[in-house]
C-alpha cells in the first residue's frame, strides 16, 4: 500500500512561495486522493508489493495515473525547502557542464516549465546514458516511465499555483527557485 510522508512545511507553508493553505490543500486533498485511488486500483493488478518505480513502468490507465501522480508529488515535496539552500558545488558543476551555468539552467528549465501545455510536470533528469536533460510531461507522465532518473521537478498543474498566484503563473516559477532543496537535488546526481 502506498503512503505519504508529509513535508516538514505542511503546517507552515513555504513563505515567499506557497502559503500554508495552498500547501495543505495540495498535500491533504490532491495528493492524498491519488494515494487513496492508487491503493484501491492496485488490488488484483498483479503489481502489489512492487516498488513505485516498477508500478509506474508497468501500469497503464488509471492505475498508472494515480501511482505516477503519487510519485510526482512526493518527489516535488522533497525538491522544496522552507529555508534557502545554497547550490552545492556538485550541482553547480553538473549544471554548468550541461547548460553553461546554473543561471542558464534555471532560465531553460523555467522556459520549459512555463510552456507545459495544460497540466503536467517539468523534470530535470539523468537519461540512461547519465546525461542531464529537461523534459516536459503531460498529466501524470514522468521520466521514471522511460527508465530515467529524476533529479528535480516542478508541478505545473493549475492546482499547484492558482490558490496563491491566480493568473500569475510566471511569478510561481520565479519564486520556485528560492525554495529548491539543492541538497536533495545533489543526492539525485
N, C-alpha and C. Protein backbone atom coordinates (compact mmCIF):
# COMPACT_ATOMS: atom_id res chain seq x y z
N UNK A 1 0.83 -1.19 0.00
CA UNK A 1 0.00 0.00 0.00
C UNK A 1 0.88 1.25 0.00
N UNK A 2 0.41 2.23 -0.70
CA UNK A 2 1.14 3.48 -0.80
C UNK A 2 0.76 4.40 0.36
N UNK A 3 1.76 5.09 0.88
CA UNK A 3 1.55 6.05 1.97
C UNK A 3 2.30 7.33 1.63
N UNK A 4 2.00 8.37 2.36
CA UNK A 4 2.64 9.66 2.13
C UNK A 4 3.45 10.08 3.34
N UNK A 5 4.62 10.58 3.06
CA UNK A 5 5.42 11.25 4.09
C UNK A 5 5.12 12.74 3.94
N UNK A 6 4.42 13.30 4.90
CA UNK A 6 4.06 14.72 4.80
C UNK A 6 5.31 15.59 4.82
N UNK A 7 5.35 16.61 3.99
CA UNK A 7 6.51 17.50 4.02
C UNK A 7 6.59 18.25 5.35
N UNK A 8 7.80 18.57 5.76
CA UNK A 8 8.02 19.26 7.04
C UNK A 8 7.32 20.61 7.08
N UNK A 9 7.08 21.20 5.94
CA UNK A 9 6.47 22.53 5.86
C UNK A 9 4.95 22.49 5.69
N UNK A 10 4.32 21.35 5.94
CA UNK A 10 2.86 21.23 5.79
C UNK A 10 2.12 22.26 6.63
N UNK A 11 2.56 22.49 7.85
CA UNK A 11 1.86 23.40 8.76
C UNK A 11 2.34 24.85 8.69
N UNK A 12 3.39 25.09 7.92
CA UNK A 12 3.92 26.46 7.83
C UNK A 12 3.84 27.03 6.42
N UNK A 13 3.74 26.17 5.44
CA UNK A 13 3.83 26.62 4.06
C UNK A 13 5.27 26.94 3.72
N UNK A 14 5.46 27.59 2.60
CA UNK A 14 6.78 27.99 2.14
C UNK A 14 6.75 29.50 1.91
N UNK A 15 6.95 30.28 2.99
CA UNK A 15 6.83 31.74 2.88
C UNK A 15 7.63 32.30 1.69
N UNK A 16 6.95 33.11 0.91
CA UNK A 16 7.56 33.66 -0.28
C UNK A 16 7.32 32.81 -1.52
N UNK A 17 6.73 31.63 -1.32
CA UNK A 17 6.44 30.76 -2.46
C UNK A 17 5.01 30.24 -2.40
N UNK A 18 4.69 29.44 -1.38
CA UNK A 18 3.34 28.88 -1.24
C UNK A 18 2.85 29.08 0.19
N UNK A 19 1.61 29.55 0.32
CA UNK A 19 1.03 29.73 1.65
C UNK A 19 0.76 28.37 2.29
N UNK A 20 0.58 28.40 3.60
CA UNK A 20 0.24 27.17 4.32
C UNK A 20 -1.06 26.59 3.79
N UNK A 21 -2.03 27.42 3.50
CA UNK A 21 -3.32 26.95 2.97
C UNK A 21 -3.12 26.21 1.64
N UNK A 22 -2.34 26.78 0.74
CA UNK A 22 -2.10 26.15 -0.56
C UNK A 22 -1.39 24.81 -0.40
N UNK A 23 -0.38 24.76 0.47
CA UNK A 23 0.34 23.51 0.70
C UNK A 23 -0.59 22.47 1.30
N UNK A 24 -1.36 22.87 2.31
CA UNK A 24 -2.26 21.92 2.97
C UNK A 24 -3.29 21.34 1.99
N UNK A 25 -3.90 22.17 1.17
CA UNK A 25 -4.88 21.69 0.18
C UNK A 25 -4.20 20.74 -0.80
N UNK A 26 -3.05 21.13 -1.28
CA UNK A 26 -2.33 20.33 -2.27
C UNK A 26 -1.95 18.96 -1.70
N UNK A 27 -1.43 18.95 -0.48
CA UNK A 27 -0.98 17.70 0.14
C UNK A 27 -2.16 16.84 0.60
N UNK A 28 -3.05 17.42 1.39
CA UNK A 28 -4.08 16.60 2.06
C UNK A 28 -5.30 16.32 1.19
N UNK A 29 -5.49 17.09 0.15
CA UNK A 29 -6.64 16.85 -0.75
C UNK A 29 -6.19 16.22 -2.06
N UNK A 30 -5.38 16.95 -2.84
CA UNK A 30 -4.97 16.46 -4.16
C UNK A 30 -4.08 15.22 -4.06
N UNK A 31 -2.96 15.35 -3.36
CA UNK A 31 -2.02 14.24 -3.28
C UNK A 31 -2.65 13.04 -2.59
N UNK A 32 -3.32 13.26 -1.48
CA UNK A 32 -3.93 12.14 -0.74
C UNK A 32 -4.95 11.40 -1.60
N UNK A 33 -5.69 12.11 -2.44
CA UNK A 33 -6.67 11.46 -3.32
C UNK A 33 -5.99 10.51 -4.30
N UNK A 34 -4.81 10.88 -4.80
CA UNK A 34 -4.08 9.98 -5.69
C UNK A 34 -3.66 8.71 -4.96
N UNK A 35 -3.22 8.85 -3.73
CA UNK A 35 -2.81 7.69 -2.93
C UNK A 35 -4.01 6.79 -2.66
N UNK A 36 -5.10 7.36 -2.23
CA UNK A 36 -6.30 6.57 -1.93
C UNK A 36 -6.77 5.79 -3.15
N UNK A 37 -6.80 6.44 -4.30
CA UNK A 37 -7.24 5.78 -5.52
C UNK A 37 -6.24 4.73 -5.96
N UNK A 38 -4.95 5.03 -5.88
CA UNK A 38 -3.91 4.05 -6.25
C UNK A 38 -4.02 2.80 -5.40
N UNK A 39 -4.26 2.97 -4.10
CA UNK A 39 -4.37 1.81 -3.20
C UNK A 39 -5.58 0.95 -3.54
N UNK A 40 -6.64 1.53 -4.03
CA UNK A 40 -7.81 0.75 -4.46
C UNK A 40 -7.53 0.03 -5.77
N UNK A 41 -6.90 0.73 -6.71
CA UNK A 41 -6.69 0.18 -8.05
C UNK A 41 -5.61 -0.88 -8.11
N UNK A 42 -4.66 -0.84 -7.20
CA UNK A 42 -3.55 -1.80 -7.28
C UNK A 42 -3.99 -3.21 -6.86
N UNK A 43 -5.05 -3.29 -6.08
CA UNK A 43 -5.55 -4.60 -5.63
C UNK A 43 -5.97 -5.43 -6.85
N UNK A 44 -5.37 -6.61 -6.97
CA UNK A 44 -5.69 -7.51 -8.07
C UNK A 44 -5.00 -7.17 -9.38
N UNK A 45 -4.11 -6.19 -9.37
CA UNK A 45 -3.44 -5.77 -10.61
C UNK A 45 -2.23 -6.63 -10.95
N UNK A 46 -1.78 -7.44 -9.99
CA UNK A 46 -0.55 -8.19 -10.19
C UNK A 46 0.69 -7.37 -9.88
N UNK A 47 0.50 -6.14 -9.46
CA UNK A 47 1.64 -5.26 -9.16
C UNK A 47 1.77 -4.95 -7.68
N UNK A 48 0.94 -5.60 -6.85
CA UNK A 48 1.03 -5.38 -5.41
C UNK A 48 2.42 -5.78 -4.93
N UNK A 49 2.98 -4.99 -4.03
CA UNK A 49 4.28 -5.30 -3.45
C UNK A 49 5.47 -4.87 -4.31
N UNK A 50 5.22 -4.36 -5.49
CA UNK A 50 6.30 -3.88 -6.35
C UNK A 50 6.69 -2.46 -5.92
N UNK A 51 7.90 -2.05 -6.29
CA UNK A 51 8.33 -0.68 -5.99
C UNK A 51 7.48 0.29 -6.79
N UNK A 52 7.41 1.52 -6.32
CA UNK A 52 6.62 2.53 -7.03
C UNK A 52 7.16 2.74 -8.44
N UNK A 53 8.47 2.67 -8.61
CA UNK A 53 9.07 2.83 -9.93
C UNK A 53 8.64 1.70 -10.87
N UNK A 54 8.63 0.48 -10.35
CA UNK A 54 8.23 -0.67 -11.16
C UNK A 54 6.75 -0.58 -11.55
N UNK A 55 5.92 -0.14 -10.62
CA UNK A 55 4.49 0.03 -10.94
C UNK A 55 4.33 1.09 -12.03
N UNK A 56 5.05 2.19 -11.91
CA UNK A 56 4.97 3.25 -12.93
C UNK A 56 5.38 2.71 -14.29
N UNK A 57 6.43 1.90 -14.34
CA UNK A 57 6.91 1.38 -15.61
C UNK A 57 5.97 0.35 -16.23
N UNK A 58 5.21 -0.36 -15.40
CA UNK A 58 4.37 -1.45 -15.92
C UNK A 58 2.88 -1.12 -16.01
N UNK A 59 2.41 -0.19 -15.20
CA UNK A 59 0.97 0.10 -15.15
C UNK A 59 0.55 0.99 -16.32
N UNK A 60 -0.74 0.96 -16.58
CA UNK A 60 -1.34 1.82 -17.60
C UNK A 60 -2.66 2.35 -17.07
N UNK A 61 -3.22 3.31 -17.78
CA UNK A 61 -4.54 3.82 -17.45
C UNK A 61 -4.62 4.44 -16.07
N UNK A 62 -5.76 4.29 -15.40
CA UNK A 62 -5.97 4.92 -14.09
C UNK A 62 -4.95 4.51 -13.03
N UNK A 63 -4.51 3.25 -13.02
CA UNK A 63 -3.51 2.85 -12.03
C UNK A 63 -2.21 3.63 -12.26
N UNK A 64 -1.75 3.68 -13.50
CA UNK A 64 -0.56 4.46 -13.81
C UNK A 64 -0.74 5.92 -13.38
N UNK A 65 -1.85 6.53 -13.78
CA UNK A 65 -2.06 7.95 -13.48
C UNK A 65 -1.97 8.25 -11.99
N UNK A 66 -2.60 7.43 -11.17
CA UNK A 66 -2.63 7.70 -9.73
C UNK A 66 -1.31 7.38 -9.05
N UNK A 67 -0.66 6.28 -9.44
CA UNK A 67 0.64 5.95 -8.84
C UNK A 67 1.69 6.97 -9.29
N UNK A 68 1.67 7.32 -10.56
CA UNK A 68 2.64 8.30 -11.06
C UNK A 68 2.43 9.67 -10.40
N UNK A 69 1.18 10.05 -10.18
CA UNK A 69 0.93 11.32 -9.51
C UNK A 69 1.38 11.28 -8.05
N UNK A 70 1.25 10.13 -7.41
CA UNK A 70 1.78 9.99 -6.05
C UNK A 70 3.29 10.19 -6.08
N UNK A 71 3.96 9.53 -7.02
CA UNK A 71 5.41 9.69 -7.14
C UNK A 71 5.77 11.14 -7.43
N UNK A 72 5.11 11.74 -8.43
CA UNK A 72 5.42 13.12 -8.82
C UNK A 72 5.31 14.08 -7.65
N UNK A 73 4.21 13.96 -6.91
CA UNK A 73 4.01 14.86 -5.77
C UNK A 73 5.04 14.59 -4.66
N UNK A 74 5.26 13.33 -4.33
CA UNK A 74 6.25 13.00 -3.28
C UNK A 74 7.62 13.56 -3.64
N UNK A 75 7.99 13.41 -4.91
CA UNK A 75 9.28 13.91 -5.37
C UNK A 75 9.32 15.44 -5.31
N UNK A 76 8.23 16.08 -5.73
CA UNK A 76 8.14 17.54 -5.69
C UNK A 76 8.31 18.06 -4.27
N UNK A 77 7.64 17.44 -3.30
CA UNK A 77 7.76 17.92 -1.91
C UNK A 77 9.21 17.86 -1.45
N UNK A 78 9.94 16.82 -1.87
CA UNK A 78 11.35 16.69 -1.47
C UNK A 78 12.24 17.71 -2.17
N UNK A 79 11.82 18.18 -3.32
CA UNK A 79 12.60 19.17 -4.07
C UNK A 79 12.50 20.57 -3.46
N UNK A 80 11.62 20.74 -2.49
CA UNK A 80 11.37 22.06 -1.90
C UNK A 80 11.90 22.16 -0.48
N UNK A 81 12.25 23.38 -0.09
CA UNK A 81 12.74 23.66 1.26
C UNK A 81 12.16 24.98 1.74
N UNK A 82 11.81 25.02 3.02
CA UNK A 82 11.33 26.27 3.61
C UNK A 82 12.47 27.28 3.75
N UNK A 83 13.68 26.78 3.87
CA UNK A 83 14.86 27.64 4.01
C UNK A 83 15.59 27.72 2.68
N UNK A 84 16.21 28.84 2.42
CA UNK A 84 17.02 28.97 1.20
C UNK A 84 18.25 28.08 1.35
N UNK A 85 18.49 27.25 0.35
CA UNK A 85 19.61 26.31 0.37
C UNK A 85 20.57 26.70 -0.75
N UNK A 86 21.85 26.81 -0.41
CA UNK A 86 22.87 27.15 -1.41
C UNK A 86 23.05 25.99 -2.38
N UNK A 87 23.41 26.31 -3.60
CA UNK A 87 23.65 25.29 -4.62
C UNK A 87 25.01 24.66 -4.34
N UNK A 88 25.04 23.35 -4.01
CA UNK A 88 26.32 22.69 -3.76
C UNK A 88 27.20 22.67 -5.01
N UNK A 89 28.50 22.63 -4.82
CA UNK A 89 29.44 22.62 -5.94
C UNK A 89 29.15 21.48 -6.91
N UNK A 90 28.79 20.32 -6.38
CA UNK A 90 28.49 19.16 -7.22
C UNK A 90 27.36 19.47 -8.21
N UNK A 91 26.34 20.16 -7.73
CA UNK A 91 25.20 20.52 -8.58
C UNK A 91 25.61 21.61 -9.56
N UNK A 92 26.29 22.63 -9.06
CA UNK A 92 26.73 23.73 -9.93
C UNK A 92 27.60 23.21 -11.06
N UNK A 93 28.51 22.31 -10.74
CA UNK A 93 29.40 21.75 -11.77
C UNK A 93 28.61 20.97 -12.81
N UNK A 94 27.68 20.14 -12.37
CA UNK A 94 26.88 19.33 -13.30
C UNK A 94 26.01 20.22 -14.19
N UNK A 95 25.39 21.24 -13.61
CA UNK A 95 24.52 22.13 -14.40
C UNK A 95 25.34 22.99 -15.36
N UNK A 96 26.51 23.43 -14.91
CA UNK A 96 27.38 24.24 -15.77
C UNK A 96 27.88 23.40 -16.94
N UNK A 97 28.24 22.17 -16.68
CA UNK A 97 28.73 21.28 -17.74
C UNK A 97 27.65 21.08 -18.81
N UNK A 98 26.42 20.91 -18.40
CA UNK A 98 25.34 20.59 -19.34
C UNK A 98 24.67 21.82 -19.94
N UNK A 99 24.54 22.90 -19.15
CA UNK A 99 23.74 24.05 -19.59
C UNK A 99 24.52 25.36 -19.68
N UNK A 100 25.78 25.38 -19.27
CA UNK A 100 26.59 26.59 -19.36
C UNK A 100 26.76 27.32 -18.04
N UNK A 101 25.74 27.28 -17.18
CA UNK A 101 25.81 27.87 -15.84
C UNK A 101 24.53 27.48 -15.10
N UNK A 102 24.53 27.70 -13.80
CA UNK A 102 23.32 27.44 -13.00
C UNK A 102 22.21 28.37 -13.48
N UNK A 103 22.55 29.63 -13.73
CA UNK A 103 21.55 30.62 -14.16
C UNK A 103 20.95 30.24 -15.51
N UNK A 104 21.78 29.78 -16.45
CA UNK A 104 21.26 29.37 -17.77
C UNK A 104 20.37 28.14 -17.62
N UNK A 105 20.75 27.23 -16.73
CA UNK A 105 19.88 26.08 -16.46
C UNK A 105 18.52 26.55 -15.95
N UNK A 106 18.54 27.45 -14.96
CA UNK A 106 17.28 27.95 -14.39
C UNK A 106 16.42 28.63 -15.45
N UNK A 107 17.03 29.41 -16.32
CA UNK A 107 16.28 30.06 -17.40
C UNK A 107 15.66 29.03 -18.34
N UNK A 108 16.44 28.03 -18.72
CA UNK A 108 15.95 26.99 -19.64
C UNK A 108 14.85 26.17 -18.99
N UNK A 109 15.07 25.78 -17.74
CA UNK A 109 14.08 24.98 -17.01
C UNK A 109 12.78 25.77 -16.85
N UNK A 110 12.89 27.04 -16.46
CA UNK A 110 11.71 27.89 -16.29
C UNK A 110 10.95 28.04 -17.61
N UNK A 111 11.68 28.24 -18.70
CA UNK A 111 11.03 28.37 -20.01
C UNK A 111 10.28 27.09 -20.37
N UNK A 112 10.90 25.95 -20.10
CA UNK A 112 10.23 24.66 -20.39
C UNK A 112 9.02 24.47 -19.48
N UNK A 113 9.18 24.75 -18.18
CA UNK A 113 8.08 24.58 -17.23
C UNK A 113 6.91 25.49 -17.59
N UNK A 114 7.23 26.71 -17.97
CA UNK A 114 6.20 27.71 -18.29
C UNK A 114 5.39 27.36 -19.53
N UNK A 115 5.94 26.50 -20.37
CA UNK A 115 5.27 26.17 -21.63
C UNK A 115 4.72 24.75 -21.67
N UNK A 116 4.66 24.09 -20.51
CA UNK A 116 3.94 22.81 -20.47
C UNK A 116 2.48 23.15 -20.76
N UNK A 117 1.93 22.57 -21.81
CA UNK A 117 0.56 22.90 -22.19
C UNK A 117 -0.41 22.12 -21.31
N UNK A 118 -1.31 22.83 -20.68
CA UNK A 118 -2.28 22.18 -19.80
C UNK A 118 -1.61 21.77 -18.51
N UNK A 119 -1.99 20.61 -18.01
CA UNK A 119 -1.48 20.12 -16.73
C UNK A 119 -0.28 19.21 -16.94
N UNK A 120 0.65 19.26 -16.00
CA UNK A 120 1.80 18.38 -16.12
C UNK A 120 2.93 18.72 -15.17
N UNK A 121 4.11 18.32 -15.59
CA UNK A 121 5.32 18.45 -14.78
C UNK A 121 6.49 18.81 -15.67
N UNK A 122 7.46 19.48 -15.10
CA UNK A 122 8.73 19.69 -15.77
C UNK A 122 9.79 19.04 -14.89
N UNK A 123 10.62 18.21 -15.49
CA UNK A 123 11.64 17.47 -14.76
C UNK A 123 13.03 17.74 -15.33
N UNK A 124 14.01 17.83 -14.44
CA UNK A 124 15.41 17.65 -14.78
C UNK A 124 15.67 16.20 -14.44
N UNK A 125 16.26 15.45 -15.37
CA UNK A 125 16.52 14.04 -15.10
C UNK A 125 17.83 13.61 -15.75
N UNK A 126 18.34 12.49 -15.26
CA UNK A 126 19.51 11.86 -15.88
C UNK A 126 18.97 10.78 -16.81
N UNK A 127 19.33 10.87 -18.09
CA UNK A 127 18.87 9.84 -19.02
C UNK A 127 19.67 8.55 -18.80
N UNK A 128 19.37 7.54 -19.57
CA UNK A 128 20.00 6.23 -19.38
C UNK A 128 21.51 6.27 -19.59
N UNK A 129 21.99 7.27 -20.32
CA UNK A 129 23.43 7.43 -20.54
C UNK A 129 24.07 8.32 -19.48
N UNK A 130 23.28 8.82 -18.54
CA UNK A 130 23.80 9.66 -17.46
C UNK A 130 23.85 11.14 -17.78
N UNK A 131 23.31 11.55 -18.93
CA UNK A 131 23.31 12.96 -19.32
C UNK A 131 22.09 13.65 -18.72
N UNK A 132 22.27 14.88 -18.24
CA UNK A 132 21.16 15.66 -17.70
C UNK A 132 20.31 16.23 -18.84
N UNK A 133 19.00 16.08 -18.71
CA UNK A 133 18.06 16.61 -19.70
C UNK A 133 16.87 17.21 -18.97
N UNK A 134 16.20 18.13 -19.64
CA UNK A 134 14.96 18.72 -19.12
C UNK A 134 13.82 18.19 -19.98
N UNK A 135 12.78 17.71 -19.31
CA UNK A 135 11.64 17.17 -20.04
C UNK A 135 10.33 17.76 -19.57
N UNK A 136 9.44 17.99 -20.52
CA UNK A 136 8.07 18.41 -20.23
C UNK A 136 7.19 17.16 -20.26
N UNK A 137 6.34 17.01 -19.26
CA UNK A 137 5.49 15.83 -19.15
C UNK A 137 4.05 16.26 -18.94
N UNK A 138 3.16 15.69 -19.72
CA UNK A 138 1.74 15.99 -19.59
C UNK A 138 1.10 15.11 -18.54
N UNK A 139 0.13 15.68 -17.86
CA UNK A 139 -0.69 14.96 -16.89
C UNK A 139 0.17 14.26 -15.85
N UNK A 140 0.13 12.92 -15.76
CA UNK A 140 0.87 12.19 -14.73
C UNK A 140 2.21 11.66 -15.20
N UNK A 141 2.52 11.82 -16.47
CA UNK A 141 3.75 11.26 -17.03
C UNK A 141 4.98 11.81 -16.32
N UNK A 142 6.05 11.01 -16.33
CA UNK A 142 7.31 11.41 -15.71
C UNK A 142 8.45 10.60 -16.31
N UNK A 143 9.70 10.96 -16.04
CA UNK A 143 10.83 10.26 -16.63
C UNK A 143 11.00 8.82 -16.15
N UNK A 144 10.43 8.47 -15.01
CA UNK A 144 10.54 7.10 -14.48
C UNK A 144 9.94 6.10 -15.47
N UNK A 145 8.86 6.47 -16.12
CA UNK A 145 8.18 5.58 -17.08
C UNK A 145 9.15 5.10 -18.15
N UNK A 146 10.11 5.97 -18.53
CA UNK A 146 11.07 5.63 -19.57
C UNK A 146 12.41 5.14 -19.02
N UNK A 147 12.47 4.89 -17.71
CA UNK A 147 13.69 4.37 -17.11
C UNK A 147 14.75 5.41 -16.81
N UNK A 148 14.37 6.69 -16.78
CA UNK A 148 15.32 7.76 -16.45
C UNK A 148 15.27 8.06 -14.95
N UNK A 149 16.31 8.74 -14.45
CA UNK A 149 16.40 9.06 -13.02
C UNK A 149 16.04 10.52 -12.77
N UNK A 150 14.93 10.78 -12.08
CA UNK A 150 14.55 12.16 -11.76
C UNK A 150 15.58 12.84 -10.86
N UNK A 151 15.80 14.12 -11.11
CA UNK A 151 16.73 14.92 -10.31
C UNK A 151 15.99 16.07 -9.63
N UNK A 152 15.10 16.74 -10.37
CA UNK A 152 14.36 17.92 -9.89
C UNK A 152 13.04 17.98 -10.64
N UNK A 153 11.99 18.42 -9.97
CA UNK A 153 10.73 18.65 -10.67
C UNK A 153 10.02 19.87 -10.13
N UNK A 154 9.12 20.40 -10.96
CA UNK A 154 8.18 21.43 -10.54
C UNK A 154 6.82 21.04 -11.08
N UNK A 155 5.82 21.22 -10.26
CA UNK A 155 4.44 20.91 -10.60
C UNK A 155 3.87 22.05 -11.43
N UNK A 156 3.40 21.74 -12.64
CA UNK A 156 2.81 22.78 -13.49
C UNK A 156 1.29 22.67 -13.57
N UNK A 157 0.70 21.75 -12.79
CA UNK A 157 -0.76 21.68 -12.72
C UNK A 157 -1.29 22.98 -12.11
N UNK A 158 -2.42 23.42 -12.59
CA UNK A 158 -3.01 24.67 -12.11
C UNK A 158 -3.25 24.66 -10.60
N UNK A 159 -3.64 23.50 -10.05
CA UNK A 159 -3.91 23.47 -8.61
C UNK A 159 -2.66 23.74 -7.77
N UNK A 160 -1.48 23.60 -8.36
CA UNK A 160 -0.24 23.84 -7.63
C UNK A 160 -0.01 25.32 -7.35
N UNK A 161 -0.48 26.16 -8.23
CA UNK A 161 -0.15 27.58 -8.11
C UNK A 161 -1.35 28.52 -8.06
N UNK A 162 -2.51 28.08 -8.46
CA UNK A 162 -3.62 29.02 -8.64
C UNK A 162 -4.13 29.64 -7.33
N UNK A 163 -4.13 28.89 -6.25
CA UNK A 163 -4.62 29.43 -4.97
C UNK A 163 -3.83 30.69 -4.58
N UNK A 164 -2.53 30.64 -4.74
CA UNK A 164 -1.68 31.77 -4.33
C UNK A 164 -1.39 32.77 -5.45
N UNK A 165 -1.38 32.31 -6.69
CA UNK A 165 -0.92 33.17 -7.78
C UNK A 165 -2.00 33.56 -8.79
N UNK A 166 -3.17 32.96 -8.69
CA UNK A 166 -4.25 33.21 -9.65
C UNK A 166 -3.69 33.08 -11.07
N UNK A 167 -3.71 34.12 -11.87
CA UNK A 167 -3.23 34.01 -13.25
C UNK A 167 -1.76 34.41 -13.42
N UNK A 168 -1.02 34.51 -12.32
CA UNK A 168 0.38 34.94 -12.36
C UNK A 168 1.32 33.72 -12.30
N UNK A 169 1.16 32.84 -13.25
CA UNK A 169 1.94 31.59 -13.28
C UNK A 169 3.45 31.86 -13.34
N UNK A 170 3.87 32.86 -14.10
CA UNK A 170 5.30 33.17 -14.22
C UNK A 170 5.91 33.50 -12.86
N UNK A 171 5.15 34.16 -11.99
CA UNK A 171 5.62 34.50 -10.65
C UNK A 171 5.85 33.24 -9.82
N UNK A 172 4.99 32.25 -9.99
CA UNK A 172 5.14 30.95 -9.30
C UNK A 172 6.49 30.33 -9.66
N UNK A 173 6.81 30.29 -10.95
CA UNK A 173 8.08 29.70 -11.37
C UNK A 173 9.26 30.53 -10.90
N UNK A 174 9.15 31.84 -10.90
CA UNK A 174 10.23 32.71 -10.41
C UNK A 174 10.51 32.43 -8.94
N UNK A 175 9.47 32.36 -8.12
CA UNK A 175 9.62 32.15 -6.68
C UNK A 175 10.06 30.73 -6.33
N UNK A 176 9.81 29.80 -7.21
CA UNK A 176 10.21 28.40 -7.01
C UNK A 176 11.70 28.28 -6.69
N UNK A 177 12.53 29.03 -7.41
CA UNK A 177 13.98 28.87 -7.28
C UNK A 177 14.50 29.23 -5.89
N UNK A 178 13.81 30.09 -5.16
CA UNK A 178 14.25 30.44 -3.80
C UNK A 178 13.92 29.35 -2.79
N UNK A 179 13.22 28.32 -3.22
CA UNK A 179 12.80 27.25 -2.30
C UNK A 179 13.22 25.87 -2.76
N UNK A 180 14.15 25.80 -3.70
CA UNK A 180 14.64 24.50 -4.15
C UNK A 180 15.57 23.93 -3.09
N UNK A 181 15.37 22.67 -2.77
CA UNK A 181 16.22 21.95 -1.83
C UNK A 181 17.41 21.38 -2.61
N UNK A 182 18.42 22.20 -2.79
CA UNK A 182 19.56 21.82 -3.62
C UNK A 182 20.32 20.62 -3.05
N UNK A 183 20.25 20.41 -1.75
CA UNK A 183 20.90 19.22 -1.16
C UNK A 183 20.20 17.95 -1.65
N UNK A 184 18.87 17.98 -1.74
CA UNK A 184 18.13 16.84 -2.28
C UNK A 184 18.48 16.64 -3.75
N UNK A 185 18.59 17.73 -4.49
CA UNK A 185 18.94 17.65 -5.90
C UNK A 185 20.32 17.00 -6.03
N UNK A 186 21.26 17.40 -5.19
CA UNK A 186 22.61 16.82 -5.22
C UNK A 186 22.56 15.32 -4.98
N UNK A 187 21.68 14.88 -4.11
CA UNK A 187 21.58 13.44 -3.80
C UNK A 187 21.05 12.63 -4.98
N UNK A 188 20.46 13.29 -5.96
CA UNK A 188 19.92 12.60 -7.14
C UNK A 188 20.89 12.57 -8.31
N UNK A 189 22.03 13.24 -8.18
CA UNK A 189 23.00 13.26 -9.28
C UNK A 189 23.90 12.04 -9.26
